[in-house]
């Protein structure tokens, strides 16, 4: 039986959300605290953005979820591909990509290493450096030398770019179409890859240059934008209610359900990040592995506590005011503390 959040829990989260908005961390935001049996509490603060007037965000406001793409799109798709025999978790990624000629040291990284950020691939990714290249992107990435010893944990976006390209190849369909099938099955009606229209229901993100148009409805991540907005590491837009639907589905899936089995196997530590935190398959593991979570650079977070059947979703466009990590730290710390205590 899921353990519901207390009124004090949700009150503290709401107060912290209002504080970080008042301090300028984000124009506004939405927090949903829920359980696997469908109970949830929605808290809203601030506005969508000054461009949208005084309209507050809602559970249906569309946010660029940035690196939550890794756990909302790529992670479940890899799980399905492994289940269906399309991808071998412990085989080199080059086996799941179009044929390549010559040496490809980064192509020898296994799918498990890529999804657990232990591949040793180069951490810096600048796809703009490949604009004039003749080779396809997967081959350019695979030909790059390793930067670390495989098994060393380091958060690397290019690994998920390769995973997205591999998923496209093994399915013979674009990544956004394959992901859309999964989201439709789960009832996530508002989740999609961008670009999307600039409307008051879509949260704008960052203004990169003074006087230039603000990023709004297109991927904030530069590399995802260069890939047309569809990539394995970033590019997905979703709503607080869809993320809650997703979390609820993951927590409610039993051992016989493919999602449930994939989640359980993904919460086995693959590498230490720092004392008290490990990396599973995609997810960060905390509190002895009883909590799994992931953040998005734009100001989003998703927390799961399978043992208590509880989840938290945080949707903000904190990057609107610049780098969001420091500004959102108090809210994210409170969320992790709250979901870790039953």
C-alpha atoms as a PDB file:
ATOM      1  CA  UNK A   1       0.000   0.000   0.000  1.00  0.00           C
ATOM      2  CA  UNK A   2       1.524   3.384  -1.007  1.00  0.00           C
ATOM      3  CA  UNK A   3       2.421   5.764   1.815  1.00  0.00           C
ATOM      4  CA  UNK A   4       0.782   9.155   1.157  1.00  0.00           C
ATOM      5  CA  UNK A   5       2.540  12.450   1.715  1.00  0.00           C
ATOM      6  CA  UNK A   6       1.403  14.252   4.837  1.00  0.00           C
ATOM      7  CA  UNK A   7      -0.218  17.675   4.789  1.00  0.00           C
ATOM      8  CA  UNK A   8       2.965  19.019   6.387  1.00  0.00           C
ATOM      9  CA  UNK A   9       5.058  17.504   3.589  1.00  0.00           C
ATOM     10  CA  UNK A  10       3.082  19.178   0.829  1.00  0.00           C
ATOM     11  CA  UNK A  11       2.836  22.448   2.778  1.00  0.00           C
ATOM     12  CA  UNK A  12       6.632  22.616   3.138  1.00  0.00           C
ATOM     13  CA  UNK A  13       7.152  21.830  -0.543  1.00  0.00           C
ATOM     14  CA  UNK A  14       4.639  24.518  -1.514  1.00  0.00           C
ATOM     15  CA  UNK A  15       6.286  27.064   0.744  1.00  0.00           C
ATOM     16  CA  UNK A  16       9.721  26.270  -0.686  1.00  0.00           C
ATOM     17  CA  UNK A  17       8.411  26.518  -4.256  1.00  0.00           C
ATOM     18  CA  UNK A  18       6.973  29.949  -3.505  1.00  0.00           C
ATOM     19  CA  UNK A  19      10.245  31.017  -1.857  1.00  0.00           C
ATOM     20  CA  UNK A  20      12.461  30.070  -4.788  1.00  0.00           C
ATOM     21  CA  UNK A  21      10.072  31.810  -7.192  1.00  0.00           C
ATOM     22  CA  UNK A  22      10.008  34.924  -4.985  1.00  0.00           C
ATOM     23  CA  UNK A  23      13.832  34.880  -4.884  1.00  0.00           C
ATOM     24  CA  UNK A  24      13.985  34.954  -8.691  1.00  0.00           C
ATOM     25  CA  UNK A  25      14.981  31.332  -9.218  1.00  0.00           C
ATOM     26  CA  UNK A  26      12.193  30.872 -11.766  1.00  0.00           C
ATOM     27  CA  UNK A  27       9.224  32.827 -13.108  1.00  0.00           C
ATOM     28  CA  UNK A  28       7.015  30.064 -11.716  1.00  0.00           C
ATOM     29  CA  UNK A  29       6.624  26.360 -11.298  1.00  0.00           C
ATOM     30  CA  UNK A  30       4.513  23.345 -10.464  1.00  0.00           C
ATOM     31  CA  UNK A  31       5.136  20.557  -7.954  1.00  0.00           C
ATOM     32  CA  UNK A  32       3.051  17.378  -7.877  1.00  0.00           C
ATOM     33  CA  UNK A  33       3.342  15.024  -4.904  1.00  0.00           C
ATOM     34  CA  UNK A  34       1.602  11.733  -5.624  1.00  0.00           C
ATOM     35  CA  UNK A  35       1.346   8.011  -5.025  1.00  0.00           C
ATOM     36  CA  UNK A  36       1.017   4.892  -7.153  1.00  0.00           C
ATOM     37  CA  UNK A  37      -2.693   4.570  -6.303  1.00  0.00           C
ATOM     38  CA  UNK A  38      -3.569   7.916  -7.877  1.00  0.00           C
ATOM     39  CA  UNK A  39      -3.557  10.328  -4.951  1.00  0.00           C
ATOM     40  CA  UNK A  40      -1.803  13.618  -5.708  1.00  0.00           C
ATOM     41  CA  UNK A  41      -1.403  17.164  -4.498  1.00  0.00           C
ATOM     42  CA  UNK A  42      -0.638  19.920  -7.018  1.00  0.00           C
ATOM     43  CA  UNK A  43       1.118  23.120  -5.941  1.00  0.00           C
ATOM     44  CA  UNK A  44       1.574  26.113  -8.244  1.00  0.00           C
ATOM     45  CA  UNK A  45       3.544  29.343  -7.823  1.00  0.00           C
ATOM     46  CA  UNK A  46       4.399  32.395  -9.907  1.00  0.00           C
ATOM     47  CA  UNK A  47       3.630  32.861 -13.595  1.00  0.00           C
ATOM     48  CA  UNK A  48       4.514  30.936 -16.754  1.00  0.00           C
ATOM     49  CA  UNK A  49       6.732  33.833 -17.841  1.00  0.00           C
ATOM     50  CA  UNK A  50       6.494  37.633 -18.092  1.00  0.00           C
ATOM     51  CA  UNK A  51       5.773  37.282 -21.828  1.00  0.00           C
ATOM     52  CA  UNK A  52       2.625  35.366 -20.912  1.00  0.00           C
ATOM     53  CA  UNK A  53       1.255  38.063 -18.622  1.00  0.00           C
ATOM     54  CA  UNK A  54      -0.135  37.159 -15.215  1.00  0.00           C
ATOM     55  CA  UNK A  55      -1.116  33.637 -16.208  1.00  0.00           C
ATOM     56  CA  UNK A  56       0.048  31.130 -13.574  1.00  0.00           C
ATOM     57  CA  UNK A  57       1.400  27.776 -14.682  1.00  0.00           C
ATOM     58  CA  UNK A  58      -0.869  24.751 -14.343  1.00  0.00           C
ATOM     59  CA  UNK A  59      -0.472  20.990 -14.283  1.00  0.00           C
ATOM     60  CA  UNK A  60      -0.921  21.163 -18.071  1.00  0.00           C
ATOM     61  CA  UNK A  61       1.712  23.823 -18.852  1.00  0.00           C
ATOM     62  CA  UNK A  62       4.265  22.474 -21.316  1.00  0.00           C
ATOM     63  CA  UNK A  63       7.898  22.568 -20.181  1.00  0.00           C
ATOM     64  CA  UNK A  64      11.155  21.764 -21.929  1.00  0.00           C
ATOM     65  CA  UNK A  65      12.223  18.931 -19.618  1.00  0.00           C
ATOM     66  CA  UNK A  66      15.826  18.862 -20.917  1.00  0.00           C
ATOM     67  CA  UNK A  67      17.744  15.878 -19.485  1.00  0.00           C
ATOM     68  CA  UNK A  68      14.602  14.285 -18.098  1.00  0.00           C
ATOM     69  CA  UNK A  69      14.449  13.159 -21.738  1.00  0.00           C
ATOM     70  CA  UNK A  70      16.995  10.533 -20.696  1.00  0.00           C
ATOM     71  CA  UNK A  71      14.583   8.839 -18.277  1.00  0.00           C
ATOM     72  CA  UNK A  72      11.272   9.695 -19.980  1.00  0.00           C
ATOM     73  CA  UNK A  73      12.244   8.723 -23.551  1.00  0.00           C
ATOM     74  CA  UNK A  74      15.573   6.942 -23.918  1.00  0.00           C
ATOM     75  CA  UNK A  75      15.517   4.819 -20.760  1.00  0.00           C
ATOM     76  CA  UNK A  76      12.109   3.165 -21.325  1.00  0.00           C
ATOM     77  CA  UNK A  77      12.868   2.679 -25.032  1.00  0.00           C
ATOM     78  CA  UNK A  78      16.171   0.949 -24.270  1.00  0.00           C
ATOM     79  CA  UNK A  79      14.324  -1.283 -21.817  1.00  0.00           C
ATOM     80  CA  UNK A  80      11.794  -2.263 -24.469  1.00  0.00           C
ATOM     81  CA  UNK A  81      14.484  -2.836 -27.082  1.00  0.00           C
ATOM     82  CA  UNK A  82      16.392  -5.102 -24.684  1.00  0.00           C
ATOM     83  CA  UNK A  83      13.184  -7.013 -23.881  1.00  0.00           C
ATOM     84  CA  UNK A  84      12.370  -7.424 -27.582  1.00  0.00           C
ATOM     85  CA  UNK A  85      15.883  -8.600 -28.472  1.00  0.00           C
ATOM     86  CA  UNK A  86      16.643  -5.538 -30.586  1.00  0.00           C
ATOM     87  CA  UNK A  87      19.489  -4.366 -28.351  1.00  0.00           C
ATOM     88  CA  UNK A  88      21.907  -6.306 -26.150  1.00  0.00           C
ATOM     89  CA  UNK A  89      22.585  -4.410 -22.933  1.00  0.00           C
ATOM     90  CA  UNK A  90      26.139  -5.728 -22.683  1.00  0.00           C
ATOM     91  CA  UNK A  91      27.097  -5.537 -26.362  1.00  0.00           C
ATOM     92  CA  UNK A  92      29.035  -2.646 -27.944  1.00  0.00           C
ATOM     93  CA  UNK A  93      26.803   0.188 -29.121  1.00  0.00           C
ATOM     94  CA  UNK A  94      28.275  -0.172 -32.621  1.00  0.00           C
ATOM     95  CA  UNK A  95      26.348  -3.458 -32.926  1.00  0.00           C
ATOM     96  CA  UNK A  96      23.091  -1.457 -32.773  1.00  0.00           C
ATOM     97  CA  UNK A  97      24.164   1.247 -35.243  1.00  0.00           C
ATOM     98  CA  UNK A  98      24.581   1.327 -39.029  1.00  0.00           C
ATOM     99  CA  UNK A  99      27.756  -0.429 -40.178  1.00  0.00           C
ATOM    100  CA  UNK A 100      30.989   1.514 -39.831  1.00  0.00           C
ATOM    101  CA  UNK A 101      34.423   1.113 -41.343  1.00  0.00           C
ATOM    102  CA  UNK A 102      37.705   1.523 -39.536  1.00  0.00           C
ATOM    103  CA  UNK A 103      38.425   1.898 -35.838  1.00  0.00           C
ATOM    104  CA  UNK A 104      35.682   3.199 -33.590  1.00  0.00           C
ATOM    105  CA  UNK A 105      36.949   3.227 -29.982  1.00  0.00           C
ATOM    106  CA  UNK A 106      33.856   4.959 -28.622  1.00  0.00           C
ATOM    107  CA  UNK A 107      31.703   2.470 -30.497  1.00  0.00           C
ATOM    108  CA  UNK A 108      33.060  -0.292 -28.265  1.00  0.00           C
ATOM    109  CA  UNK A 109      31.297   1.154 -25.225  1.00  0.00           C
ATOM    110  CA  UNK A 110      28.445  -1.100 -24.216  1.00  0.00           C
ATOM    111  CA  UNK A 111      24.814  -0.038 -24.020  1.00  0.00           C
ATOM    112  CA  UNK A 112      24.958  -0.599 -20.248  1.00  0.00           C
ATOM    113  CA  UNK A 113      27.982   1.689 -19.936  1.00  0.00           C
ATOM    114  CA  UNK A 114      26.346   4.408 -22.017  1.00  0.00           C
ATOM    115  CA  UNK A 115      23.084   4.384 -20.091  1.00  0.00           C
ATOM    116  CA  UNK A 116      24.937   4.303 -16.746  1.00  0.00           C
ATOM    117  CA  UNK A 117      27.386   7.079 -17.701  1.00  0.00           C
ATOM    118  CA  UNK A 118      30.393   4.763 -17.266  1.00  0.00           C
ATOM    119  CA  UNK A 119      31.499   4.547 -20.911  1.00  0.00           C
ATOM    120  CA  UNK A 120      34.676   6.636 -20.759  1.00  0.00           C
ATOM    121  CA  UNK A 121      33.512   8.686 -23.775  1.00  0.00           C
ATOM    122  CA  UNK A 122      34.455  12.334 -24.136  1.00  0.00           C
ATOM    123  CA  UNK A 123      32.308  14.450 -21.856  1.00  0.00           C
ATOM    124  CA  UNK A 124      32.275  17.591 -23.991  1.00  0.00           C
ATOM    125  CA  UNK A 125      29.911  17.426 -26.939  1.00  0.00           C
ATOM    126  CA  UNK A 126      29.893  20.118 -29.629  1.00  0.00           C
ATOM    127  CA  UNK A 127      27.942  18.871 -32.608  1.00  0.00           C
ATOM    128  CA  UNK A 128      28.542  22.195 -34.348  1.00  0.00           C
ATOM    129  CA  UNK A 129      32.144  21.015 -34.809  1.00  0.00           C
ATOM    130  CA  UNK A 130      30.859  18.256 -37.110  1.00  0.00           C
ATOM    131  CA  UNK A 131      28.859  20.478 -39.476  1.00  0.00           C
ATOM    132  CA  UNK A 132      31.191  20.133 -42.460  1.00  0.00           C
ATOM    133  CA  UNK A 133      31.972  16.443 -41.924  1.00  0.00           C
ATOM    134  CA  UNK A 134      31.132  13.875 -44.592  1.00  0.00           C
ATOM    135  CA  UNK A 135      30.498  10.931 -42.253  1.00  0.00           C
ATOM    136  CA  UNK A 136      27.168  10.292 -40.491  1.00  0.00           C
ATOM    137  CA  UNK A 137      26.885  11.483 -36.904  1.00  0.00           C
ATOM    138  CA  UNK A 138      26.985   8.045 -35.293  1.00  0.00           C
ATOM    139  CA  UNK A 139      30.276   7.275 -37.000  1.00  0.00           C
ATOM    140  CA  UNK A 140      31.808  10.629 -36.090  1.00  0.00           C
ATOM    141  CA  UNK A 141      30.923  10.053 -32.436  1.00  0.00           C
ATOM    142  CA  UNK A 142      32.117   6.455 -32.429  1.00  0.00           C
ATOM    143  CA  UNK A 143      35.479   7.355 -33.985  1.00  0.00           C
ATOM    144  CA  UNK A 144      36.285   9.740 -31.130  1.00  0.00           C
ATOM    145  CA  UNK A 145      38.906   8.428 -28.671  1.00  0.00           C
ATOM    146  CA  UNK A 146      37.929   7.589 -25.114  1.00  0.00           C
ATOM    147  CA  UNK A 147      38.637  10.170 -22.439  1.00  0.00           C
ATOM    148  CA  UNK A 148      38.380   7.962 -19.340  1.00  0.00           C
ATOM    149  CA  UNK A 149      38.737   4.320 -18.432  1.00  0.00           C
ATOM    150  CA  UNK A 150      35.455   2.455 -19.030  1.00  0.00           C
ATOM    151  CA  UNK A 151      33.719   1.939 -15.706  1.00  0.00           C
ATOM    152  CA  UNK A 152      34.533   5.451 -14.504  1.00  0.00           C
ATOM    153  CA  UNK A 153      31.393   7.436 -13.745  1.00  0.00           C
ATOM    154  CA  UNK A 154      31.053  10.738 -15.587  1.00  0.00           C
ATOM    155  CA  UNK A 155      27.840  12.332 -16.779  1.00  0.00           C
ATOM    156  CA  UNK A 156      28.041  12.301 -20.587  1.00  0.00           C
ATOM    157  CA  UNK A 157      25.374  13.477 -23.029  1.00  0.00           C
ATOM    158  CA  UNK A 158      27.002  12.007 -26.138  1.00  0.00           C
ATOM    159  CA  UNK A 159      26.331   8.509 -24.827  1.00  0.00           C
ATOM    160  CA  UNK A 160      22.611   9.216 -24.900  1.00  0.00           C
ATOM    161  CA  UNK A 161      22.918  10.796 -28.332  1.00  0.00           C
ATOM    162  CA  UNK A 162      24.349   7.470 -29.504  1.00  0.00           C
ATOM    163  CA  UNK A 163      21.583   5.559 -27.734  1.00  0.00           C
ATOM    164  CA  UNK A 164      18.978   7.700 -29.507  1.00  0.00           C
ATOM    165  CA  UNK A 165      20.630   7.006 -32.873  1.00  0.00           C
ATOM    166  CA  UNK A 166      20.751   3.298 -32.077  1.00  0.00           C
ATOM    167  CA  UNK A 167      17.060   3.210 -31.151  1.00  0.00           C
ATOM    168  CA  UNK A 168      16.227   4.892 -34.450  1.00  0.00           C
ATOM    169  CA  UNK A 169      18.312   2.328 -36.332  1.00  0.00           C
ATOM    170  CA  UNK A 170      16.969  -0.842 -34.688  1.00  0.00           C
ATOM    171  CA  UNK A 171      13.356   0.326 -35.008  1.00  0.00           C
ATOM    172  CA  UNK A 172      13.817   1.711 -38.544  1.00  0.00           C
ATOM    173  CA  UNK A 173      11.707   4.675 -37.421  1.00  0.00           C
ATOM    174  CA  UNK A 174      12.470   8.185 -36.135  1.00  0.00           C
ATOM    175  CA  UNK A 175      13.090   8.426 -32.402  1.00  0.00           C
ATOM    176  CA  UNK A 176      10.214  10.841 -31.812  1.00  0.00           C
ATOM    177  CA  UNK A 177       7.735   8.416 -33.397  1.00  0.00           C
ATOM    178  CA  UNK A 178       8.953   5.444 -31.377  1.00  0.00           C
ATOM    179  CA  UNK A 179       8.802   7.458 -28.156  1.00  0.00           C
ATOM    180  CA  UNK A 180       5.332   8.764 -28.992  1.00  0.00           C
ATOM    181  CA  UNK A 181       4.035   5.185 -29.096  1.00  0.00           C
ATOM    182  CA  UNK A 182       5.237   4.581 -25.530  1.00  0.00           C
ATOM    183  CA  UNK A 183       3.792   7.835 -24.233  1.00  0.00           C
ATOM    184  CA  UNK A 184       0.437   7.151 -25.888  1.00  0.00           C
ATOM    185  CA  UNK A 185       0.269   3.716 -24.242  1.00  0.00           C
ATOM    186  CA  UNK A 186       0.913   5.312 -20.854  1.00  0.00           C
ATOM    187  CA  UNK A 187      -1.676   8.063 -21.344  1.00  0.00           C
ATOM    188  CA  UNK A 188       0.886  10.876 -21.586  1.00  0.00           C
ATOM    189  CA  UNK A 189      -1.131  12.923 -24.049  1.00  0.00           C
ATOM    190  CA  UNK A 190       0.842  16.151 -23.762  1.00  0.00           C
ATOM    191  CA  UNK A 191       4.388  14.766 -24.070  1.00  0.00           C
ATOM    192  CA  UNK A 192       6.264  15.163 -27.340  1.00  0.00           C
ATOM    193  CA  UNK A 193       9.507  16.165 -28.960  1.00  0.00           C
ATOM    194  CA  UNK A 194       9.638  19.789 -30.059  1.00  0.00           C
ATOM    195  CA  UNK A 195       9.547  22.202 -31.620  1.00  0.00           C
ATOM    196  CA  UNK A 196       6.155  23.358 -30.416  1.00  0.00           C
ATOM    197  CA  UNK A 197       4.232  26.577 -30.963  1.00  0.00           C
ATOM    198  CA  UNK A 198       4.994  29.651 -28.858  1.00  0.00           C
ATOM    199  CA  UNK A 199       1.845  29.999 -26.769  1.00  0.00           C
ATOM    200  CA  UNK A 200       1.084  31.050 -23.177  1.00  0.00           C
ATOM    201  CA  UNK A 201       0.759  27.335 -22.352  1.00  0.00           C
ATOM    202  CA  UNK A 202       4.421  26.721 -23.210  1.00  0.00           C
ATOM    203  CA  UNK A 203       7.084  27.915 -20.756  1.00  0.00           C
ATOM    204  CA  UNK A 204       9.859  29.974 -22.423  1.00  0.00           C
ATOM    205  CA  UNK A 205      13.439  29.290 -21.390  1.00  0.00           C
ATOM    206  CA  UNK A 206      16.595  31.322 -21.897  1.00  0.00           C
ATOM    207  CA  UNK A 207      17.508  34.463 -23.797  1.00  0.00           C
ATOM    208  CA  UNK A 208      20.995  33.640 -25.023  1.00  0.00           C
ATOM    209  CA  UNK A 209      21.928  37.056 -26.437  1.00  0.00           C
ATOM    210  CA  UNK A 210      20.666  40.513 -25.429  1.00  0.00           C
ATOM    211  CA  UNK A 211      18.019  41.607 -27.904  1.00  0.00           C
ATOM    212  CA  UNK A 212      17.710  38.153 -29.473  1.00  0.00           C
ATOM    213  CA  UNK A 213      14.476  36.160 -29.335  1.00  0.00           C
ATOM    214  CA  UNK A 214      14.076  34.051 -26.222  1.00  0.00           C
ATOM    215  CA  UNK A 215      14.183  30.268 -26.676  1.00  0.00           C
ATOM    216  CA  UNK A 216      10.526  29.318 -26.566  1.00  0.00           C
ATOM    217  CA  UNK A 217       9.028  26.099 -27.900  1.00  0.00           C
ATOM    218  CA  UNK A 218      12.321  24.777 -29.246  1.00  0.00           C
ATOM    219  CA  UNK A 219      14.997  22.728 -27.470  1.00  0.00           C
ATOM    220  CA  UNK A 220      17.112  24.743 -25.059  1.00  0.00           C
ATOM    221  CA  UNK A 221      19.966  22.260 -25.441  1.00  0.00           C
ATOM    222  CA  UNK A 222      22.226  23.325 -28.328  1.00  0.00           C
ATOM    223  CA  UNK A 223      23.094  19.804 -29.470  1.00  0.00           C
ATOM    224  CA  UNK A 224      19.469  18.688 -29.438  1.00  0.00           C
ATOM    225  CA  UNK A 225      18.552  21.808 -31.406  1.00  0.00           C
ATOM    226  CA  UNK A 226      21.198  20.972 -34.025  1.00  0.00           C
ATOM    227  CA  UNK A 227      19.581  17.536 -34.361  1.00  0.00           C
ATOM    228  CA  UNK A 228      16.223  19.123 -35.163  1.00  0.00           C
ATOM    229  CA  UNK A 229      15.042  18.954 -31.563  1.00  0.00           C
ATOM    230  CA  UNK A 230      14.965  15.143 -31.440  1.00  0.00           C
ATOM    231  CA  UNK A 231      17.780  13.471 -29.499  1.00  0.00           C
ATOM    232  CA  UNK A 232      18.342  10.813 -26.886  1.00  0.00           C
ATOM    233  CA  UNK A 233      19.685  13.225 -24.278  1.00  0.00           C
ATOM    234  CA  UNK A 234      17.300  16.217 -24.553  1.00  0.00           C
ATOM    235  CA  UNK A 235      14.500  17.741 -26.610  1.00  0.00           C
ATOM    236  CA  UNK A 236      11.316  16.409 -24.986  1.00  0.00           C
ATOM    237  CA  UNK A 237       8.520  18.704 -23.808  1.00  0.00           C
ATOM    238  CA  UNK A 238       6.105  17.498 -21.157  1.00  0.00           C
ATOM    239  CA  UNK A 239       3.608  18.681 -18.567  1.00  0.00           C
ATOM    240  CA  UNK A 240       3.585  18.207 -14.794  1.00  0.00           C
ATOM    241  CA  UNK A 241       0.518  15.993 -15.062  1.00  0.00           C
ATOM    242  CA  UNK A 242       2.117  13.798 -17.748  1.00  0.00           C
ATOM    243  CA  UNK A 243       5.242  13.341 -15.641  1.00  0.00           C
ATOM    244  CA  UNK A 244       2.966  12.387 -12.747  1.00  0.00           C
ATOM    245  CA  UNK A 245       1.165   9.897 -14.994  1.00  0.00           C
ATOM    246  CA  UNK A 246       4.524   8.434 -15.994  1.00  0.00           C
ATOM    247  CA  UNK A 247       5.749   8.173 -12.402  1.00  0.00           C
ATOM    248  CA  UNK A 248       2.509   6.566 -11.309  1.00  0.00           C
ATOM    249  CA  UNK A 249       2.749   3.987 -14.108  1.00  0.00           C
ATOM    250  CA  UNK A 250       6.325   3.101 -13.150  1.00  0.00           C
ATOM    251  CA  UNK A 251       5.467   2.709  -9.476  1.00  0.00           C
ATOM    252  CA  UNK A 252       2.297   0.715 -10.127  1.00  0.00           C
ATOM    253  CA  UNK A 253       3.932  -1.756 -12.538  1.00  0.00           C
ATOM    254  CA  UNK A 254       4.326  -5.158 -10.889  1.00  0.00           C
ATOM    255  CA  UNK A 255       6.942  -7.826 -11.539  1.00  0.00           C
ATOM    256  CA  UNK A 256       5.039  -9.201 -14.514  1.00  0.00           C
ATOM    257  CA  UNK A 257       4.965  -5.826 -16.276  1.00  0.00           C
ATOM    258  CA  UNK A 258       7.936  -4.993 -18.526  1.00  0.00           C
ATOM    259  CA  UNK A 259       8.205  -1.480 -17.075  1.00  0.00           C
ATOM    260  CA  UNK A 260       8.255  -2.807 -13.533  1.00  0.00           C
ATOM    261  CA  UNK A 261      10.945  -5.357 -14.297  1.00  0.00           C
ATOM    262  CA  UNK A 262      13.060  -2.775 -16.151  1.00  0.00           C
ATOM    263  CA  UNK A 263      12.730  -0.286 -13.281  1.00  0.00           C
ATOM    264  CA  UNK A 264      13.835  -2.837 -10.701  1.00  0.00           C
ATOM    265  CA  UNK A 265      16.871  -3.891 -12.734  1.00  0.00           C
ATOM    266  CA  UNK A 266      17.723  -0.227 -13.334  1.00  0.00           C
ATOM    267  CA  UNK A 267      17.858   0.539  -9.620  1.00  0.00           C
ATOM    268  CA  UNK A 268      20.850  -1.741  -9.110  1.00  0.00           C
ATOM    269  CA  UNK A 269      23.924   0.486  -8.549  1.00  0.00           C
ATOM    270  CA  UNK A 270      26.328   0.521 -11.487  1.00  0.00           C
ATOM    271  CA  UNK A 271      28.839   3.077 -10.169  1.00  0.00           C
ATOM    272  CA  UNK A 272      29.345   5.421  -7.231  1.00  0.00           C
ATOM    273  CA  UNK A 273      28.793   9.116  -7.914  1.00  0.00           C
ATOM    274  CA  UNK A 274      29.706  10.422  -4.471  1.00  0.00           C
ATOM    275  CA  UNK A 275      29.152   9.235  -0.894  1.00  0.00           C
ATOM    276  CA  UNK A 276      25.470   8.392  -0.549  1.00  0.00           C
ATOM    277  CA  UNK A 277      24.700   8.559  -4.278  1.00  0.00           C
ATOM    278  CA  UNK A 278      25.058   5.849  -6.921  1.00  0.00           C
ATOM    279  CA  UNK A 279      24.205   5.649 -10.598  1.00  0.00           C
ATOM    280  CA  UNK A 280      21.800   2.971 -11.731  1.00  0.00           C
ATOM    281  CA  UNK A 281      20.733   2.587 -15.344  1.00  0.00           C
ATOM    282  CA  UNK A 282      19.974   6.262 -16.083  1.00  0.00           C
ATOM    283  CA  UNK A 283      18.659   7.071 -12.597  1.00  0.00           C
ATOM    284  CA  UNK A 284      20.564   8.551  -9.646  1.00  0.00           C
ATOM    285  CA  UNK A 285      20.069   6.349  -6.596  1.00  0.00           C
ATOM    286  CA  UNK A 286      19.880   7.760  -3.057  1.00  0.00           C
ATOM    287  CA  UNK A 287      18.919   6.716   0.447  1.00  0.00           C
ATOM    288  CA  UNK A 288      20.415   3.253   0.089  1.00  0.00           C
ATOM    289  CA  UNK A 289      18.856   2.800  -3.341  1.00  0.00           C
ATOM    290  CA  UNK A 290      15.281   3.349  -2.109  1.00  0.00           C
ATOM    291  CA  UNK A 291      14.942   6.608  -4.063  1.00  0.00           C
ATOM    292  CA  UNK A 292      15.642   7.203  -7.759  1.00  0.00           C
ATOM    293  CA  UNK A 293      15.686  10.627  -9.364  1.00  0.00           C
ATOM    294  CA  UNK A 294      16.898  12.711 -12.287  1.00  0.00           C
ATOM    295  CA  UNK A 295      17.133  16.430 -13.044  1.00  0.00           C
ATOM    296  CA  UNK A 296      16.771  18.511 -16.190  1.00  0.00           C
ATOM    297  CA  UNK A 297      18.997  21.538 -16.813  1.00  0.00           C
ATOM    298  CA  UNK A 298      16.037  23.811 -17.540  1.00  0.00           C
ATOM    299  CA  UNK A 299      14.701  23.346 -13.994  1.00  0.00           C
ATOM    300  CA  UNK A 300      12.829  20.050 -13.949  1.00  0.00           C
ATOM    301  CA  UNK A 301      13.097  17.003 -11.649  1.00  0.00           C
ATOM    302  CA  UNK A 302      11.456  13.625 -11.182  1.00  0.00           C
ATOM    303  CA  UNK A 303      11.732  11.539  -7.981  1.00  0.00           C
ATOM    304  CA  UNK A 304      10.538   7.964  -7.389  1.00  0.00           C
ATOM    305  CA  UNK A 305      10.365   5.971  -4.152  1.00  0.00           C
ATOM    306  CA  UNK A 306       9.278   2.459  -5.195  1.00  0.00           C
ATOM    307  CA  UNK A 307       9.320   1.090  -1.648  1.00  0.00           C
ATOM    308  CA  UNK A 308       6.679   3.596  -0.517  1.00  0.00           C
ATOM    309  CA  UNK A 309       4.913   4.091  -3.858  1.00  0.00           C
ATOM    310  CA  UNK A 310       5.528   7.854  -3.811  1.00  0.00           C
ATOM    311  CA  UNK A 311       6.758  10.295  -6.442  1.00  0.00           C
ATOM    312  CA  UNK A 312       7.475  13.992  -6.845  1.00  0.00           C
ATOM    313  CA  UNK A 313       7.584  15.980 -10.060  1.00  0.00           C
ATOM    314  CA  UNK A 314       9.035  19.476 -10.296  1.00  0.00           C
ATOM    315  CA  UNK A 315       8.495  21.576 -13.408  1.00  0.00           C
ATOM    316  CA  UNK A 316      10.017  25.039 -13.643  1.00  0.00           C
ATOM    317  CA  UNK A 317      11.658  27.120 -16.352  1.00  0.00           C
ATOM    318  CA  UNK A 318      14.342  28.330 -13.955  1.00  0.00           C
ATOM    319  CA  UNK A 319      16.876  28.602 -16.788  1.00  0.00           C
ATOM    320  CA  UNK A 320      14.799  31.625 -17.860  1.00  0.00           C
ATOM    321  CA  UNK A 321      16.961  33.611 -15.435  1.00  0.00           C
ATOM    322  CA  UNK A 322      20.235  31.817 -16.183  1.00  0.00           C
ATOM    323  CA  UNK A 323      21.802  28.559 -14.914  1.00  0.00           C
ATOM    324  CA  UNK A 324      19.213  26.920 -12.689  1.00  0.00           C
ATOM    325  CA  UNK A 325      21.097  24.397 -10.556  1.00  0.00           C
ATOM    326  CA  UNK A 326      22.187  26.693  -7.718  1.00  0.00           C
ATOM    327  CA  UNK A 327      18.933  28.635  -7.596  1.00  0.00           C
ATOM    328  CA  UNK A 328      16.802  25.505  -7.429  1.00  0.00           C
ATOM    329  CA  UNK A 329      19.057  23.648  -4.985  1.00  0.00           C
ATOM    330  CA  UNK A 330      16.907  24.340  -1.883  1.00  0.00           C
ATOM    331  CA  UNK A 331      13.750  23.015  -3.551  1.00  0.00           C
ATOM    332  CA  UNK A 332      15.485  19.947  -4.939  1.00  0.00           C
ATOM    333  CA  UNK A 333      17.136  19.203  -1.584  1.00  0.00           C
ATOM    334  CA  UNK A 334      13.804  19.432   0.202  1.00  0.00           C
ATOM    335  CA  UNK A 335      12.170  17.191  -2.409  1.00  0.00           C
ATOM    336  CA  UNK A 336      14.814  14.505  -1.930  1.00  0.00           C
ATOM    337  CA  UNK A 337      14.539  14.745   1.858  1.00  0.00           C
ATOM    338  CA  UNK A 338      10.734  14.612   1.755  1.00  0.00           C
ATOM    339  CA  UNK A 339      10.454  11.597  -0.520  1.00  0.00           C
ATOM    340  CA  UNK A 340      13.168   9.745   1.429  1.00  0.00           C
ATOM    341  CA  UNK A 341      11.171   9.826   4.671  1.00  0.00           C
ATOM    342  CA  UNK A 342       8.032   7.724   4.983  1.00  0.00           C
END
